Amino acid sequence: MTHTVLVTGVSRHIGARVASALAADPEIDRVIGVDTVPPPSLTRGGGGPALGRTEFVRVDLRSPDIARVIAAADVDSVVHMSLVSAPSKTTGRSSMKEHNVIGTMQLLGACQRSATVRRVVVRSTTAVYGSSSHDPAVFTEDAEPVEVPVSGYAKDASEVEAYVRGFARRRPDITVSTLRFANFMGPGVDSPLTRYFTQPVVPTVFGFDPRLQFVHEDDGVEVLRRMAVEDHPGTYNVAGEGVMLLSQCVRRSGRPTVPVPSPAFRVLGELARRAGRVDFSPEQLALMSYGRAVDSDKIVAELEWRPKFTTATAFADFLHSRGLFGGTPLPVIDWLGTVLGGGGKQ
């Protein structure tokens, strides 16, 4: 039986949803959520998923305080959801890397010294496989990236996974599970990729039409909930069935596209990042050029479970939540009219 679960990253949407799902389980005595800032549901004005009976503790994973929290609460399961996928405008890339890598090292160190922790679940990403023109059709969990990620979130996740493997060797008595998720989609997801698809005009890399995979937030939360209360050691890909071409995604969103050469795409990304709209990092450029697909058969067999949403239906649910139904929305028509000098509707 799982008595006390600690969930990191509860100020973000998926982390809050996982904590809420675990808090709703009567078999779990306590759920402790930690993050550097309070979840939106606990701040003035509310918003975001309700945490239920989750106990929030404000902790920076880069500090030794996390060890004291684990020891004081006799935590037996840890769900690490705190990896940040894009730098904030205020803190930048160096702070993001410290949070992701140093924070994970501190957390794993605390788990290693703990006498009560017996299960650790780490949220990772399929970005660790990279994106290149030489990739296999699909990546399985034992596949090595053709081009090792050298920057950004993908590099952080690769380093985190290396520390997790080292931790598993040092504490073979602890069940360690690493989940490589495809890009999350759903009504509550706010990520560089969801912001990309909701721009008034979507830039694409000229000459490329990559394959993309998504996992619906509901399916991701269910996998994480199961992993937090059951023993399933190992590394698993998690993605909805099927793939979509970028051209299909954009067509279904109803957004107009502008194909641009890859150098111009990078420049547009930098301008968009400065404006706070979306981050077209080098890894995002690679994904928008070459795409990525993974095989999720291992997790399906391990859990005897199948995602409720395919890649296509996860994306459709995201579009529906944003009011995008395959036709060009009126605000976009107005925006194009302004840009082209027509002044929009009269």
Protein backbone atom coordinates (compact mmCIF):
# COMPACT_ATOMS: atom_id res chain seq x y z
CA MET A 1 0.00 0.00 0.00
CA THR A 2 1.14 3.53 -0.81
CA HIS A 3 0.95 5.75 2.28
CA THR A 4 2.51 9.10 1.33
CA VAL A 5 3.18 10.39 -2.18
CA LEU A 6 5.28 13.46 -2.94
CA VAL A 7 4.61 15.17 -6.29
CA THR A 8 6.97 17.84 -7.63
CA GLY A 9 5.95 20.57 -10.07
CA VAL A 10 2.39 21.03 -8.79
CA SER A 11 2.22 24.69 -9.84
CA ARG A 12 1.96 23.53 -13.47
CA HIS A 13 -1.11 22.00 -15.04
CA ILE A 14 -0.11 18.35 -15.44
CA GLY A 15 1.61 18.22 -12.05
CA ALA A 16 -1.48 19.65 -10.36
CA ARG A 17 -3.72 17.16 -12.13
CA VAL A 18 -1.55 14.23 -11.05
CA ALA A 19 -1.56 15.42 -7.44
CA SER A 20 -5.34 15.85 -7.59
CA ALA A 21 -5.85 12.35 -9.00
CA LEU A 22 -3.69 10.81 -6.28
CA ALA A 23 -5.41 12.85 -3.57
CA ALA A 24 -8.75 11.40 -4.72
CA ASP A 25 -7.47 7.86 -4.05
CA PRO A 26 -8.75 6.71 -0.62
CA GLU A 27 -5.95 4.13 -0.46
CA ILE A 28 -3.36 6.93 -0.20
CA ASP A 29 -2.95 8.51 3.23
CA ARG A 30 -1.22 11.75 2.22
CA VAL A 31 -0.27 13.61 -0.95
CA ILE A 32 2.35 16.33 -0.63
CA GLY A 33 2.80 18.73 -3.53
CA VAL A 34 5.96 20.82 -3.81
CA ASP A 35 7.00 23.65 -6.08
CA THR A 36 8.75 27.02 -5.98
CA VAL A 37 5.44 28.91 -6.27
CA PRO A 38 1.91 28.03 -5.12
CA PRO A 39 -0.42 26.35 -7.63
CA PRO A 40 -2.95 28.70 -9.28
CA SER A 41 -5.79 27.03 -7.35
CA LEU A 42 -4.22 28.25 -4.09
CA THR A 43 -3.58 31.82 -5.18
CA ARG A 44 -5.96 34.75 -5.07
CA GLY A 45 -8.46 34.37 -7.88
CA GLY A 46 -7.98 30.61 -8.07
CA GLY A 47 -7.88 28.87 -11.43
CA GLY A 48 -6.21 25.64 -12.51
CA PRO A 49 -6.98 22.13 -11.29
CA ALA A 50 -8.13 21.81 -7.68
CA LEU A 51 -5.60 19.93 -5.56
CA GLY A 52 -8.16 18.29 -3.27
CA ARG A 53 -6.52 17.24 -0.01
CA THR A 54 -2.99 17.70 -1.38
CA GLU A 55 -0.75 19.46 1.14
CA PHE A 56 1.31 22.14 -0.59
CA VAL A 57 4.87 22.85 0.57
CA ARG A 58 6.88 25.64 -1.03
CA VAL A 59 10.30 24.17 -1.81
CA ASP A 60 13.01 24.88 -4.37
CA LEU A 61 14.37 21.50 -5.46
CA ARG A 62 17.82 23.02 -5.79
CA SER A 63 17.96 23.44 -2.01
CA PRO A 64 18.51 20.75 0.65
CA ASP A 65 15.03 21.48 2.00
CA ILE A 66 13.51 18.74 -0.16
CA ALA A 67 15.37 16.10 1.89
CA ARG A 68 13.81 17.46 5.08
CA VAL A 69 10.32 17.31 3.55
CA ILE A 70 10.80 13.67 2.48
CA ALA A 71 12.19 12.68 5.87
CA ALA A 72 9.56 14.51 7.93
CA ALA A 73 6.62 13.04 5.99
CA ASP A 74 7.97 9.47 5.65
CA VAL A 75 7.39 9.66 1.90
CA ASP A 76 7.32 6.26 0.18
CA SER A 77 6.55 7.30 -3.43
CA VAL A 78 7.95 10.26 -5.37
CA VAL A 79 6.52 11.50 -8.68
CA HIS A 80 8.94 13.97 -10.27
CA MET A 81 6.97 16.28 -12.58
CA SER A 82 9.09 19.37 -12.24
CA LEU A 83 11.08 19.45 -15.50
CA VAL A 84 10.59 22.79 -17.26
CA SER A 85 10.28 22.60 -21.06
CA ALA A 86 11.01 26.24 -21.90
CA PRO A 87 12.85 29.11 -20.19
CA SER A 88 10.81 31.93 -18.72
CA LYS A 89 11.27 35.50 -19.90
CA THR A 90 12.52 36.55 -16.47
CA THR A 91 14.93 33.75 -15.50
CA GLY A 92 16.30 32.50 -18.82
CA ARG A 93 17.95 29.31 -19.97
CA SER A 94 20.61 29.01 -17.23
CA SER A 95 17.99 29.04 -14.47
CA MET A 96 15.92 26.48 -16.40
CA LYS A 97 18.89 24.13 -16.60
CA GLU A 98 19.67 24.54 -12.90
CA HIS A 99 16.07 23.79 -12.01
CA ASN A 100 15.89 20.73 -14.27
CA VAL A 101 19.29 19.14 -13.68
CA ILE A 102 20.49 20.40 -10.29
CA GLY A 103 16.96 20.15 -8.88
CA THR A 104 16.71 16.53 -10.01
CA MET A 105 20.12 15.73 -8.54
CA GLN A 106 19.05 17.15 -5.16
CA LEU A 107 15.78 15.22 -5.26
CA LEU A 108 17.47 11.94 -6.15
CA GLY A 109 20.09 12.51 -3.47
CA ALA A 110 17.32 12.97 -0.91
CA CYS A 111 15.60 9.78 -2.12
CA GLN A 112 18.88 7.87 -1.98
CA ARG A 113 19.39 8.83 1.68
CA SER A 114 15.79 8.10 2.61
CA ALA A 115 14.87 4.97 4.54
CA THR A 116 11.20 5.15 3.48
CA VAL A 117 11.17 5.90 -0.27
CA ARG A 118 10.48 2.74 -2.26
CA ARG A 119 9.18 4.07 -5.57
CA VAL A 120 10.37 6.93 -7.82
CA VAL A 121 8.58 7.97 -11.03
CA VAL A 122 10.20 10.52 -13.35
CA ARG A 123 8.43 12.39 -16.13
CA SER A 124 10.76 12.64 -19.11
CA THR A 125 10.16 13.35 -22.80
CA THR A 126 10.53 11.70 -26.19
CA ALA A 127 12.67 14.73 -27.08
CA VAL A 128 15.63 12.72 -25.70
CA TYR A 129 15.60 10.84 -29.04
CA GLY A 130 16.22 14.07 -30.93
CA SER A 131 15.00 14.77 -34.46
CA SER A 132 17.08 14.27 -37.57
CA SER A 133 16.84 13.15 -41.19
CA HIS A 134 18.47 9.82 -40.26
CA ASP A 135 16.01 8.80 -37.54
CA PRO A 136 14.25 5.41 -37.66
CA ALA A 137 10.55 5.34 -38.52
CA VAL A 138 9.76 4.86 -34.82
CA PHE A 139 11.90 4.91 -31.69
CA THR A 140 11.65 2.09 -29.17
CA GLU A 141 12.86 2.53 -25.62
CA ASP A 142 16.21 0.85 -26.27
CA ALA A 143 17.01 2.99 -29.33
CA GLU A 144 19.82 5.54 -29.14
CA PRO A 145 19.36 9.00 -30.65
CA VAL A 146 20.98 9.42 -34.05
CA GLU A 147 21.96 12.95 -33.08
CA VAL A 148 22.36 13.45 -29.33
CA PRO A 149 20.49 16.56 -28.11
CA VAL A 150 22.97 19.35 -27.42
CA SER A 151 20.73 22.13 -26.12
CA GLY A 152 17.55 23.03 -24.31
CA TYR A 153 14.92 20.82 -22.74
CA ALA A 154 16.03 17.70 -24.64
CA LYS A 155 19.59 17.99 -23.33
CA ASP A 156 18.32 18.58 -19.79
CA ALA A 157 16.07 15.52 -20.00
CA SER A 158 18.94 13.38 -21.30
CA GLU A 159 21.10 14.44 -18.36
CA VAL A 160 18.26 13.86 -15.92
CA GLU A 161 17.75 10.34 -17.27
CA ALA A 162 21.45 9.62 -16.82
CA TYR A 163 21.23 10.64 -13.16
CA VAL A 164 18.09 8.53 -12.75
CA ARG A 165 19.87 5.46 -14.14
CA GLY A 166 22.73 6.04 -11.71
CA PHE A 167 20.29 6.37 -8.84
CA ALA A 168 18.59 3.10 -9.83
CA ARG A 169 21.95 1.30 -9.75
CA ARG A 170 22.79 2.68 -6.31
CA ARG A 171 19.36 1.86 -4.85
CA PRO A 172 18.22 -1.37 -6.55
CA ASP A 173 15.67 -1.81 -3.75
CA ILE A 174 13.69 1.20 -5.05
CA THR A 175 11.36 0.80 -8.03
CA VAL A 176 12.38 3.45 -10.59
CA SER A 177 10.17 4.28 -13.59
CA THR A 178 11.04 6.76 -16.34
CA LEU A 179 8.22 7.89 -18.63
CA ARG A 180 9.10 9.47 -21.97
CA PHE A 181 6.00 11.41 -22.98
CA ALA A 182 5.21 12.71 -26.43
CA ASN A 183 4.03 16.32 -26.53
CA PHE A 184 1.00 16.79 -24.28
CA MET A 185 -2.26 18.01 -25.84
CA GLY A 186 -5.56 18.88 -24.24
CA PRO A 187 -7.77 21.73 -23.03
CA GLY A 188 -5.50 22.71 -20.13
CA VAL A 189 -2.10 22.30 -21.77
CA ASP A 190 -0.03 25.45 -22.32
CA SER A 191 3.29 24.64 -23.98
CA PRO A 192 5.53 25.98 -26.75
CA LEU A 193 3.80 23.57 -29.16
CA THR A 194 0.21 24.50 -28.22
CA ARG A 195 1.12 28.18 -28.48
CA TYR A 196 2.66 27.47 -31.89
CA PHE A 197 -0.63 26.09 -33.21
CA THR A 198 -2.68 29.02 -31.88
CA GLN A 199 -0.66 31.77 -33.56
CA PRO A 200 -2.63 33.90 -36.05
CA VAL A 201 -0.34 32.64 -38.82
CA VAL A 202 1.68 29.45 -38.44
CA PRO A 203 5.20 29.47 -39.92
CA THR A 204 6.45 26.15 -41.27
CA VAL A 205 9.89 25.10 -42.47
CA PHE A 206 9.94 25.24 -46.25
CA GLY A 207 10.21 21.79 -47.85
CA PHE A 208 9.38 19.79 -44.69
CA ASP A 209 6.20 18.13 -43.44
CA PRO A 210 7.18 16.32 -40.23
CA ARG A 211 5.30 13.53 -38.44
CA LEU A 212 4.11 14.49 -34.97
CA GLN A 213 2.75 12.52 -32.02
CA PHE A 214 0.72 13.72 -29.06
CA VAL A 215 -0.51 12.30 -25.77
CA HIS A 216 -3.73 13.61 -24.28
CA GLU A 217 -3.39 15.06 -20.80
CA ASP A 218 -6.05 12.65 -19.46
CA ASP A 219 -4.04 9.63 -20.63
CA GLY A 220 -0.79 11.08 -19.31
CA VAL A 221 -2.31 11.70 -15.88
CA GLU A 222 -3.70 8.16 -15.74
CA VAL A 223 -0.31 6.62 -16.56
CA LEU A 224 1.39 8.73 -13.90
CA ARG A 225 -1.29 7.86 -11.35
CA ARG A 226 -0.85 4.15 -12.04
CA MET A 227 2.92 4.36 -11.84
CA ALA A 228 2.73 6.18 -8.50
CA VAL A 229 0.85 3.33 -6.81
CA GLU A 230 2.11 0.27 -8.72
CA ASP A 231 5.57 -1.19 -9.33
CA HIS A 232 6.56 -0.95 -12.99
CA PRO A 233 10.32 -0.46 -13.16
CA GLY A 234 11.95 0.59 -16.41
CA THR A 235 11.72 3.17 -19.17
CA TYR A 236 8.55 3.61 -21.20
CA ASN A 237 7.42 5.68 -24.18
CA VAL A 238 3.94 7.19 -23.78
CA ALA A 239 2.10 8.52 -26.84
CA GLY A 240 -1.31 8.33 -28.45
CA GLU A 241 -1.69 5.86 -31.30
CA GLY A 242 -0.88 7.08 -34.78
CA VAL A 243 0.89 10.14 -36.13
CA MET A 244 -0.16 13.37 -37.82
CA LEU A 245 1.67 15.35 -40.44
CA LEU A 246 2.25 18.99 -39.54
CA SER A 247 0.26 19.97 -42.63
CA GLN A 248 -2.72 17.98 -41.31
CA CYS A 249 -2.48 19.66 -37.92
CA VAL A 250 -2.39 23.15 -39.38
CA ARG A 251 -5.16 22.41 -41.86
CA ARG A 252 -7.43 21.13 -39.10
CA SER A 253 -6.66 24.19 -36.98
CA GLY A 254 -7.82 26.48 -39.76
CA ARG A 255 -4.74 28.65 -39.40
CA PRO A 256 -3.01 30.06 -42.49
CA THR A 257 0.61 28.99 -42.95
CA VAL A 258 3.73 30.74 -44.16
CA PRO A 259 6.49 28.37 -45.35
CA VAL A 260 9.88 29.94 -44.62
CA PRO A 261 13.49 28.72 -44.98
CA SER A 262 14.91 27.24 -41.79
CA PRO A 263 17.19 30.26 -41.03
CA ALA A 264 14.15 32.56 -41.24
CA PHE A 265 12.18 30.16 -39.03
CA ARG A 266 14.88 30.51 -36.38
CA VAL A 267 14.75 34.33 -36.65
CA LEU A 268 10.95 34.31 -36.38
CA GLY A 269 11.29 32.09 -33.34
CA GLU A 270 13.60 34.54 -31.63
CA LEU A 271 11.19 37.41 -32.31
CA ALA A 272 8.25 35.37 -31.05
CA ARG A 273 10.18 34.37 -27.92
CA ARG A 274 11.01 38.00 -27.14
CA ALA A 275 7.34 38.87 -27.57
CA GLY A 276 6.46 36.13 -25.10
CA ARG A 277 4.38 34.16 -27.59
CA VAL A 278 6.27 30.96 -28.33
CA ASP A 279 9.79 29.58 -28.07
CA PHE A 280 11.21 28.26 -31.35
CA SER A 281 14.31 26.72 -29.84
CA PRO A 282 16.80 24.72 -31.95
CA GLU A 283 15.08 21.51 -30.81
CA GLN A 284 11.71 22.96 -31.87
CA LEU A 285 13.16 23.79 -35.28
CA ALA A 286 14.43 20.21 -35.61
CA LEU A 287 11.02 18.82 -34.64
CA MET A 288 9.28 21.10 -37.13
CA SER A 289 11.69 19.86 -39.80
CA TYR A 290 12.06 16.13 -39.17
CA GLY A 291 9.38 15.23 -36.64
CA ARG A 292 9.52 12.21 -34.36
CA ALA A 293 7.52 9.05 -33.69
CA VAL A 294 7.84 6.47 -30.91
CA ASP A 295 6.52 2.99 -30.21
CA SER A 296 4.35 2.81 -27.06
CA ASP A 297 3.63 -0.93 -27.13
CA LYS A 298 5.77 -1.53 -24.03
CA ILE A 299 3.66 0.65 -21.71
CA VAL A 300 0.43 -0.74 -23.19
CA ALA A 301 1.56 -4.30 -22.44
CA GLU A 302 3.00 -3.45 -19.02
CA LEU A 303 -0.14 -1.73 -17.72
CA GLU A 304 -2.62 -3.79 -19.79
CA TRP A 305 -4.03 -0.40 -20.74
CA ARG A 306 -4.59 1.58 -23.91
CA PRO A 307 -4.81 5.38 -24.28
CA LYS A 308 -8.36 6.68 -24.68
CA PHE A 309 -7.14 9.30 -27.15
CA THR A 310 -5.18 8.76 -30.33
CA THR A 311 -2.77 11.43 -31.55
CA ALA A 312 -5.51 12.74 -33.86
CA THR A 313 -8.30 12.82 -31.26
CA ALA A 314 -5.99 14.41 -28.66
CA PHE A 315 -5.24 17.19 -31.14
CA ALA A 316 -8.93 17.52 -32.02
CA ASP A 317 -9.81 17.95 -28.33
CA PHE A 318 -7.16 20.65 -28.02
CA LEU A 319 -8.54 22.47 -31.08
CA HIS A 320 -12.09 22.23 -29.77
CA SER A 321 -11.05 23.72 -26.43
CA ARG A 322 -9.53 26.69 -28.27
CA GLY A 323 -12.54 27.23 -30.52
CA LEU A 324 -10.70 26.09 -33.65
CA PHE A 325 -12.86 23.88 -35.85
CA GLY A 326 -11.08 23.68 -39.19
CA GLY A 327 -12.24 26.96 -40.69
CA THR A 328 -10.35 30.22 -40.45
CA PRO A 329 -11.74 32.00 -37.35
CA LEU A 330 -13.00 35.56 -37.76
CA PRO A 331 -10.27 37.07 -35.52
CA VAL A 332 -7.65 35.60 -37.87
CA ILE A 333 -9.39 37.07 -40.90
CA ASP A 334 -9.44 40.44 -39.14
CA TRP A 335 -5.75 40.08 -38.24
CA LEU A 336 -4.79 39.22 -41.83
CA GLY A 337 -6.78 42.16 -43.13
CA THR A 338 -4.92 44.51 -40.81
CA VAL A 339 -1.52 43.09 -41.75
CA LEU A 340 -2.25 43.25 -45.47
CA GLY A 341 -3.61 46.78 -45.23
CA GLY A 342 -7.28 45.97 -45.64
CA GLY A 343 -8.21 47.04 -42.15
CA GLY A 344 -10.11 43.86 -41.34
CA LYS A 345 -13.91 43.71 -41.46
CA GLN A 346 -15.86 46.91 -42.04
